[in-house]
């Protein structure tokens, strides 16, 4: 997915599985997973 388009939050939430394919969303998921892992280990 290389096109940048602005869509409403409602539409993004409705089609969340497509939104997760965006590189920015993937980076956020990886970041959150790493943060969660740090707290689980402690």
Protein backbone atom coordinates (compact mmCIF):
# COMPACT_ATOMS: atom_id res chain seq x y z
CA UNK A 1 0.00 0.00 0.00
CA UNK A 2 1.84 3.02 -1.22
CA UNK A 3 -0.97 5.51 -1.78
CA UNK A 4 -1.53 8.10 0.91
CA UNK A 5 -5.16 8.98 1.37
CA UNK A 6 -7.09 10.59 4.14
CA UNK A 7 -10.05 8.59 5.40
CA UNK A 8 -12.35 8.97 8.33
CA UNK A 9 -11.64 7.22 11.61
CA UNK A 10 -14.92 5.32 11.34
CA UNK A 11 -13.92 3.86 8.00
CA UNK A 12 -10.48 2.89 9.29
CA UNK A 13 -12.02 1.11 12.27
CA UNK A 14 -14.53 -0.69 10.07
CA UNK A 15 -11.79 -2.07 7.83
CA UNK A 16 -9.12 -2.45 10.50
CA UNK A 17 -7.65 -5.55 8.86
CA UNK A 18 -6.76 -3.46 5.80
CA UNK A 19 -5.42 -0.60 7.87
CA UNK A 20 -2.97 -2.98 9.56
CA UNK A 21 -1.25 -3.51 6.22
CA UNK A 22 0.05 0.06 6.22
CA UNK A 23 3.76 0.30 7.14
CA UNK A 24 3.08 2.95 9.78
CA UNK A 25 0.56 0.71 11.53
CA UNK A 26 2.93 -2.27 11.36
CA UNK A 27 5.68 -0.21 12.97
CA UNK A 28 3.32 0.80 15.77
CA UNK A 29 2.32 -2.80 16.38
CA UNK A 30 5.94 -3.93 16.59
CA UNK A 31 6.76 -1.07 18.97
CA UNK A 32 3.82 -1.93 21.25
CA UNK A 33 4.72 -5.62 21.22
CA UNK A 34 8.29 -4.83 22.25
CA UNK A 35 7.07 -2.55 25.03
CA UNK A 36 4.68 -5.20 26.33
CA UNK A 37 7.44 -7.80 26.24
CA UNK A 38 9.66 -5.57 28.36
CA UNK A 39 7.01 -5.40 31.07
CA UNK A 40 6.28 -9.12 30.97
CA UNK A 41 9.94 -9.97 31.52
CA UNK A 42 10.27 -7.69 34.57
